[in-house]
Every structure is written in C-alpha cells, then in structure tokens.
Amino acid sequence: MDITARSHEGTFPQLDGVEHRYVELPGLRMHVAEAGRGDPVLLLHGFPEHWWEWRHVIGGLARHHRVICPDLRGAGWTDAPPDGYSSGPLLADVTHLLDALGLDRVHLIAHDWSAIVGFQLCLGHPDRVRDYLVLGGPHPYVRFNVRLLSVMPKLWFQWVIATPGLGPRLLGRGRQRLARHLLTGYAATPDAFTEADIALFLAPLRDPARARAAGKLYRGLILPEARRFMSGAYRDTRLSTRTRILAGAADPVADQATTALLMAGYEDYTDDLTIEFVGGAGHFLADDRPDVVVAKALELFATP
C-alpha cells in the first residue's frame, strides 16, 4: 500500500494546520486530513458528513495528539466504488488505513454510522484501540423493547435513503432538500452549520456514484447491523475497550428516557462503558458542542 502526499490548495476547504494526502488501500484510494503530533487519534465521520465534520474539533485535539480524519468509503474525496458498503469491507478499510500509516494502536472517535465500524474494530481488533469515544451512536448490546417502536417513524429517512433509485435521487438532485434536512433538522443549535458548511457536505452527493453509495451504506451496513444489534448477535463477544458514549440531550429522534432505555443492559458485556448526555446537542455533537467533544476526548485519552 502506497501513501502519496499531494498539494491540494484550492481543492479542499482550508483549515489551519491541516494537511491532506491520499492513501492507496486495496481497491480504494482514501483521502485523509491530518494535523498535530503525538499519540494518534482516528476520527470517523457520520452521514451525510465527511472529514469536515471535525472542523471545530481538530484544533483542540491537535494541540495534544496526531489527528487523523479520513473520508470513509463513498464519502468526501475518497473513492466511491460500486460495492464494499457492508461491515466487512468498511472495517477492512480502517485496518488497512492503520497499517498503511504504520499505526499499531489509536485513540478512536466515531459518530453516527461509523460508530458501528468503531465497535467492530474494538471487538475484532481490541489491540488496535486504546479507548473509544462514541458520538450519537448505540452500543452493540441494545435490546428491543416495545416502547422503542415510537422511535421508528422518526427514522423514516433511513428506509428512504436505502430505497434504490429513490434515495440517491432525493439526496443528490435539485435542491437536495433531504440531505439538507438531515443536517439542519437533527442539530440542536442554529449555528451548528453555516451555509458554507452545508454546501461542502451536499456537494459530493451531487456525484451519482456517491449518492448511490449512501443508499448502499444504509442497505449494507446501517439497517442490517441495527437488526443484528437488537437480535443479540454481539452478546457473545465482550467489549474490553474503555468506551464513553456521548448522546445529545436534544436529539430529535430519541429523548433522554428513550435513549436510556435503548442503551440499558450493557453491563454484563462490557469492561468499562459509560453513557453521558450532552446538553445543547442534537445528533451532530461535534457540530453542536465541539467544546464538550474535545474536553471529553482529552479527558478520556489522558486517563491511565
């Protein structure tokens, strides 16, 4: 696997101290934004974002750590091949990236769907993750409860995006109202996203291959893994990685009581996992409350 550094001035949005490179992985060219020095921190973005999700977090972390923000398969400036949007290939992308960068172990932060991949990395390769900060994502030991049915209508967009033809068309064409709604409708603060931020997140989805990749991601990873979580597929595998989950207290999909119910019952399967609600945050914690994300990450990473 070859790592190629290139000059991208004028190509990527500019952020002080951030450098860009492409990393050649098996069957995939991945874009990576990096900043800082020290123990490495790997940050995995959610949907419909890319590395720019971490724009308000990178500076605070980079004062203490080497910060590595890849665009994951199908997102941002990374390739969007026609396949590979299930758990196996997506996890392999992450381990191949660590290998290519020569990293044995990292601190890990993941948001939204990439939290699934993050947990799979912790469960399948615990030696590669020092500790794990989850933003707006469930652990793999959630249990079905009939009271959770009230959440299902609020997740309507998942099935829309997963529908071949329909999802990509709504995400990528015209005014891209669906993609815009997924950002502005699930943040808690009105200034979480500027119009420039929204434009940066929506632009890649105008590429039909990337819009189709989003649908494949929901069909191949998000919806199947939600079913696997609920059915107990991971309860035979113990989570030994020290893990902190931050949930937005103002997440419009699930209030605190519902989220607590969803997350309950993990103690028998984990060595060190805690859950904390963040005031003034919706689903997009790094956009709503980057100050809290940085503080909680540094606190976790400094814990012996």
Protein backbone atom coordinates (compact mmCIF):
# COMPACT_ATOMS: atom_id res chain seq x y z
CA MET A 1 0.00 0.00 0.00
CA ASP A 2 1.44 3.35 -1.06
CA ILE A 3 0.92 6.70 0.58
CA THR A 4 1.04 9.66 -1.76
CA ALA A 5 1.19 13.21 -0.46
CA ARG A 6 -0.12 15.83 -2.86
CA SER A 7 -0.75 19.56 -2.90
CA HIS A 8 -4.46 20.30 -2.83
CA GLU A 9 -4.50 24.05 -2.31
CA GLY A 10 -7.83 25.29 -3.59
CA THR A 11 -9.30 21.78 -3.69
CA PHE A 12 -10.14 21.16 -0.04
CA PRO A 13 -11.63 23.64 2.40
CA GLN A 14 -8.74 25.22 4.24
CA LEU A 15 -8.19 24.71 7.96
CA ASP A 16 -5.12 25.94 9.82
CA GLY A 17 -2.58 23.22 10.47
CA VAL A 18 -4.37 20.57 8.41
CA GLU A 19 -2.56 18.68 5.67
CA HIS A 20 -4.13 16.39 3.09
CA ARG A 21 -2.99 13.21 1.44
CA TYR A 22 -4.33 10.24 -0.46
CA VAL A 23 -3.64 6.75 0.85
CA GLU A 24 -3.80 3.85 -1.60
CA LEU A 25 -5.58 0.95 0.09
CA PRO A 26 -6.54 -2.38 -1.51
CA GLY A 27 -9.14 -1.37 -4.09
CA LEU A 28 -9.65 2.11 -2.66
CA ARG A 29 -7.96 5.49 -2.73
CA MET A 30 -8.75 7.19 0.57
CA HIS A 31 -8.44 10.88 1.35
CA VAL A 32 -7.07 11.70 4.80
CA ALA A 33 -6.83 15.05 6.57
CA GLU A 34 -4.20 15.24 9.33
CA ALA A 35 -2.98 17.69 11.94
CA GLY A 36 -0.81 17.75 15.05
CA ARG A 37 1.69 15.42 16.63
CA GLY A 38 1.62 12.90 19.45
CA ASP A 39 -0.40 9.81 20.17
CA PRO A 40 -2.68 9.24 17.17
CA VAL A 41 -6.43 9.83 17.28
CA LEU A 42 -8.56 8.40 14.48
CA LEU A 43 -11.84 10.22 13.82
CA LEU A 44 -14.56 8.50 11.77
CA HIS A 45 -17.34 10.74 10.45
CA GLY A 46 -21.05 10.05 10.04
CA PHE A 47 -23.61 10.69 7.29
CA PRO A 48 -24.04 12.96 5.38
CA GLU A 49 -20.74 14.43 6.52
CA HIS A 50 -17.08 13.81 5.70
CA TRP A 51 -13.79 14.93 7.27
CA TRP A 52 -15.09 18.50 7.56
CA GLU A 53 -17.35 17.25 10.38
CA TRP A 54 -14.31 17.63 12.63
CA ARG A 55 -13.51 21.25 11.66
CA HIS A 56 -14.23 22.58 15.19
CA VAL A 57 -12.59 19.62 16.94
CA ILE A 58 -9.29 19.21 15.10
CA GLY A 59 -7.56 22.25 16.59
CA GLY A 60 -8.24 21.36 20.21
CA LEU A 61 -7.18 17.75 19.75
CA ALA A 62 -4.14 18.57 17.60
CA ARG A 63 -2.53 20.53 20.43
CA HIS A 64 -2.01 17.19 22.16
CA HIS A 65 -2.35 14.47 19.52
CA ARG A 66 -1.81 13.50 15.92
CA VAL A 67 -5.32 13.82 14.49
CA ILE A 68 -6.31 11.63 11.54
CA CYS A 69 -9.61 12.30 9.76
CA PRO A 70 -10.28 10.04 6.77
CA ASP A 71 -13.12 10.34 4.32
CA LEU A 72 -14.65 6.88 4.51
CA ARG A 73 -15.59 4.78 1.50
CA GLY A 74 -18.01 6.65 -0.75
CA ALA A 75 -17.76 9.94 1.16
CA GLY A 76 -15.99 13.23 0.65
CA TRP A 77 -12.92 12.95 -1.55
CA THR A 78 -12.40 9.19 -1.11
CA ASP A 79 -13.30 6.83 -3.94
CA ALA A 80 -16.90 5.67 -4.27
CA PRO A 81 -16.62 2.17 -5.79
CA PRO A 82 -19.80 0.27 -6.69
CA ASP A 83 -19.52 -2.16 -3.77
CA GLY A 84 -17.96 -2.64 -0.35
CA TYR A 85 -20.58 -0.95 1.85
CA SER A 86 -21.11 -3.75 4.34
CA SER A 87 -19.37 -4.29 7.66
CA GLY A 88 -16.52 -6.47 6.40
CA PRO A 89 -15.11 -4.14 3.72
CA LEU A 90 -15.72 -1.00 5.78
CA LEU A 91 -13.87 -2.46 8.76
CA ALA A 92 -11.09 -3.64 6.45
CA ASP A 93 -10.74 -0.09 5.10
CA VAL A 94 -9.99 1.12 8.63
CA THR A 95 -7.48 -1.61 9.47
CA HIS A 96 -5.79 -1.17 6.08
CA LEU A 97 -5.53 2.55 6.77
CA LEU A 98 -3.91 1.93 10.16
CA ASP A 99 -1.47 -0.46 8.52
CA ALA A 100 -0.67 2.00 5.73
CA LEU A 101 0.01 4.76 8.25
CA GLY A 102 2.13 2.42 10.40
CA LEU A 103 -0.16 2.76 13.42
CA ASP A 104 -0.40 -0.14 15.85
CA ARG A 105 -2.91 1.49 18.22
CA VAL A 106 -5.04 4.62 18.18
CA HIS A 107 -7.47 6.56 20.28
CA LEU A 108 -10.79 6.35 18.44
CA ILE A 109 -13.70 8.75 17.97
CA ALA A 110 -16.66 7.81 15.78
CA HIS A 111 -20.02 9.37 15.02
CA ASP A 112 -23.31 8.04 13.66
CA TRP A 113 -22.97 5.01 11.35
CA SER A 114 -19.20 4.84 11.72
CA ALA A 115 -19.75 4.03 15.40
CA ILE A 116 -20.83 0.59 14.16
CA VAL A 117 -17.48 0.14 12.44
CA GLY A 118 -15.74 1.51 15.52
CA PHE A 119 -17.34 -1.08 17.76
CA GLN A 120 -16.46 -3.82 15.28
CA LEU A 121 -12.86 -2.62 15.36
CA CYS A 122 -12.86 -2.74 19.18
CA LEU A 123 -14.46 -6.20 19.26
CA GLY A 124 -12.44 -7.75 16.45
CA HIS A 125 -9.11 -5.97 16.96
CA PRO A 126 -9.03 -4.81 20.60
CA ASP A 127 -5.26 -4.50 20.49
CA ARG A 128 -5.55 -1.64 17.99
CA VAL A 129 -7.78 0.70 20.01
CA ARG A 130 -6.62 2.39 23.21
CA ASP A 131 -10.01 3.86 24.07
CA TYR A 132 -13.17 4.79 22.24
CA LEU A 133 -15.38 7.89 22.28
CA VAL A 134 -18.75 7.37 20.58
CA LEU A 135 -20.86 10.32 19.44
CA GLY A 136 -24.54 9.75 18.82
CA GLY A 137 -24.44 6.01 18.29
CA PRO A 138 -25.68 2.93 20.18
CA HIS A 139 -23.52 0.17 21.60
CA PRO A 140 -23.92 -3.33 20.07
CA TYR A 141 -25.77 -4.77 23.08
CA VAL A 142 -29.01 -2.82 22.73
CA ARG A 143 -32.20 -4.79 23.32
CA PHE A 144 -35.56 -4.46 21.65
CA ASN A 145 -38.33 -3.01 23.77
CA VAL A 146 -41.83 -2.35 22.52
CA ARG A 147 -41.54 1.21 23.83
CA LEU A 148 -38.84 1.79 21.21
CA LEU A 149 -41.44 1.49 18.45
CA SER A 150 -42.18 5.17 18.99
CA VAL A 151 -38.75 5.94 17.53
CA MET A 152 -39.31 4.11 14.24
CA PRO A 153 -41.37 6.83 12.50
CA LYS A 154 -38.61 9.33 13.26
CA LEU A 155 -36.15 7.15 11.33
CA TRP A 156 -38.20 7.30 8.12
CA PHE A 157 -35.26 8.72 6.20
CA GLN A 158 -33.25 5.50 6.64
CA TRP A 159 -35.66 3.49 4.53
CA VAL A 160 -35.99 6.31 2.00
CA ILE A 161 -32.23 6.53 1.52
CA ALA A 162 -31.94 2.74 1.32
CA THR A 163 -34.50 2.53 -1.50
CA PRO A 164 -32.65 2.05 -4.82
CA GLY A 165 -33.24 4.90 -7.20
CA LEU A 166 -35.34 6.98 -4.82
CA GLY A 167 -32.72 7.56 -2.13
CA PRO A 168 -29.89 8.66 -4.44
CA ARG A 169 -32.24 10.86 -6.44
CA LEU A 170 -33.53 12.71 -3.37
CA LEU A 171 -30.04 13.09 -1.90
CA GLY A 172 -28.27 14.32 -4.98
CA ARG A 173 -30.65 16.15 -7.28
CA GLY A 174 -32.31 19.53 -7.33
CA ARG A 175 -32.14 21.48 -4.10
CA GLN A 176 -31.08 18.37 -2.15
CA ARG A 177 -33.72 19.06 0.47
CA LEU A 178 -33.41 15.61 2.06
CA ALA A 179 -29.66 15.88 2.58
CA ARG A 180 -30.04 19.43 3.89
CA HIS A 181 -32.78 18.30 6.28
CA LEU A 182 -30.56 15.52 7.64
CA LEU A 183 -28.13 18.22 8.76
CA THR A 184 -30.29 21.11 9.90
CA GLY A 185 -33.18 19.00 11.19
CA TYR A 186 -31.05 16.95 13.58
CA ALA A 187 -28.80 19.64 15.05
CA ALA A 188 -29.79 21.44 18.23
CA THR A 189 -28.15 24.82 17.67
CA PRO A 190 -29.00 27.16 14.78
CA ASP A 191 -25.33 27.94 14.13
CA ALA A 192 -24.16 24.32 14.05
CA PHE A 193 -23.86 24.56 10.26
CA THR A 194 -23.14 27.62 8.18
CA GLU A 195 -24.40 27.75 4.62
CA ALA A 196 -20.81 27.14 3.53
CA ASP A 197 -20.64 24.01 5.71
CA ILE A 198 -23.89 22.71 4.26
CA ALA A 199 -22.65 23.34 0.73
CA LEU A 200 -19.48 21.38 1.47
CA PHE A 201 -21.43 18.39 2.77
CA LEU A 202 -24.01 18.43 -0.02
CA ALA A 203 -21.60 18.87 -2.94
CA PRO A 204 -20.22 15.29 -3.00
CA LEU A 205 -23.75 13.86 -3.08
CA ARG A 206 -24.35 15.50 -6.44
CA ASP A 207 -21.99 12.87 -7.82
CA PRO A 208 -24.36 9.99 -8.70
CA ALA A 209 -21.80 7.39 -7.58
CA ARG A 210 -21.63 8.95 -4.11
CA ALA A 211 -25.38 9.30 -3.84
CA ARG A 212 -25.73 5.62 -4.74
CA ALA A 213 -23.01 4.77 -2.21
CA ALA A 214 -25.16 6.34 0.52
CA GLY A 215 -28.05 4.06 -0.34
CA LYS A 216 -25.76 1.04 -0.34
CA LEU A 217 -24.39 2.08 3.05
CA TYR A 218 -27.88 2.06 4.56
CA ARG A 219 -28.79 -1.23 2.87
CA GLY A 220 -25.48 -2.94 3.52
CA LEU A 221 -24.48 -1.72 6.98
CA ILE A 222 -26.84 0.52 8.91
CA LEU A 223 -30.14 -1.34 8.65
CA PRO A 224 -28.67 -4.89 8.80
CA GLU A 225 -26.45 -4.05 11.77
CA ALA A 226 -29.35 -2.45 13.64
CA ARG A 227 -31.16 -5.77 13.34
CA ARG A 228 -28.04 -7.66 14.45
CA PHE A 229 -27.64 -5.40 17.47
CA MET A 230 -31.25 -5.96 18.52
CA SER A 231 -31.09 -9.72 17.95
CA GLY A 232 -28.10 -10.19 20.26
CA ALA A 233 -25.54 -11.06 17.59
CA TYR A 234 -22.73 -9.45 19.60
CA ARG A 235 -23.59 -10.63 23.10
CA ASP A 236 -21.11 -13.50 22.87
CA THR A 237 -18.26 -11.02 22.33
CA ARG A 238 -17.13 -8.92 25.27
CA LEU A 239 -16.15 -5.28 24.80
CA SER A 240 -12.85 -4.82 26.63
CA THR A 241 -12.05 -1.36 25.23
CA ARG A 242 -12.66 1.54 27.59
CA THR A 243 -15.62 3.29 25.95
CA ARG A 244 -17.54 6.51 26.52
CA ILE A 245 -20.79 7.25 24.68
CA LEU A 246 -21.95 10.85 24.35
CA ALA A 247 -25.60 11.30 23.40
CA GLY A 248 -27.24 14.59 22.55
CA ALA A 249 -29.79 15.57 25.20
CA ALA A 250 -31.74 17.32 22.43
CA ASP A 251 -31.53 14.58 19.81
CA PRO A 252 -34.85 14.81 17.93
CA VAL A 253 -35.01 11.07 17.23
CA ALA A 254 -34.98 9.89 20.84
CA ASP A 255 -35.36 11.80 24.08
CA GLN A 256 -33.18 11.01 27.09
CA ALA A 257 -35.60 8.50 28.57
CA THR A 258 -35.90 6.58 25.31
CA THR A 259 -32.16 6.65 24.72
CA ALA A 260 -31.50 5.40 28.25
CA LEU A 261 -33.97 2.57 27.68
CA LEU A 262 -32.30 1.66 24.39
CA MET A 263 -28.83 1.68 25.95
CA ALA A 264 -29.70 -0.23 29.14
CA GLY A 265 -28.34 -3.67 29.95
CA TYR A 266 -24.79 -3.39 28.65
CA GLU A 267 -23.02 -4.04 31.95
CA ASP A 268 -22.79 -7.82 31.51
CA TYR A 269 -20.98 -7.45 28.19
CA THR A 270 -18.50 -4.62 28.77
CA ASP A 271 -15.48 -3.97 30.95
CA ASP A 272 -15.68 -0.17 31.09
CA LEU A 273 -18.50 1.65 29.31
CA THR A 274 -20.33 4.78 30.42
CA ILE A 275 -23.01 6.91 28.78
CA GLU A 276 -23.40 10.66 29.21
CA PHE A 277 -25.94 13.13 27.84
CA VAL A 278 -24.69 16.44 26.46
CA GLY A 279 -26.89 19.48 26.91
CA GLY A 280 -27.39 21.72 23.91
CA ALA A 281 -26.55 18.93 21.47
CA GLY A 282 -28.65 17.03 18.99
CA HIS A 283 -27.40 14.21 16.79
CA PHE A 284 -24.41 16.18 15.49
CA LEU A 285 -22.42 16.57 18.68
CA ALA A 286 -19.19 17.70 17.04
CA ASP A 287 -21.10 20.46 15.25
CA ASP A 288 -23.39 21.46 18.15
CA ARG A 289 -20.95 21.15 21.07
CA PRO A 290 -17.38 20.74 19.83
CA ASP A 291 -16.13 22.16 23.13
CA VAL A 292 -17.63 19.25 25.03
CA VAL A 293 -16.38 16.70 22.50
CA VAL A 294 -12.81 17.99 22.76
CA ALA A 295 -12.91 18.15 26.56
CA LYS A 296 -14.38 14.66 26.94
CA ALA A 297 -11.96 13.20 24.41
CA LEU A 298 -8.89 14.68 26.09
CA GLU A 299 -10.15 13.56 29.49
CA LEU A 300 -10.68 10.01 28.23
CA PHE A 301 -7.38 9.82 26.37
CA ALA A 302 -5.41 11.09 29.39
CA THR A 303 -6.89 8.50 31.73
CA PRO A 304 -4.26 5.85 32.56
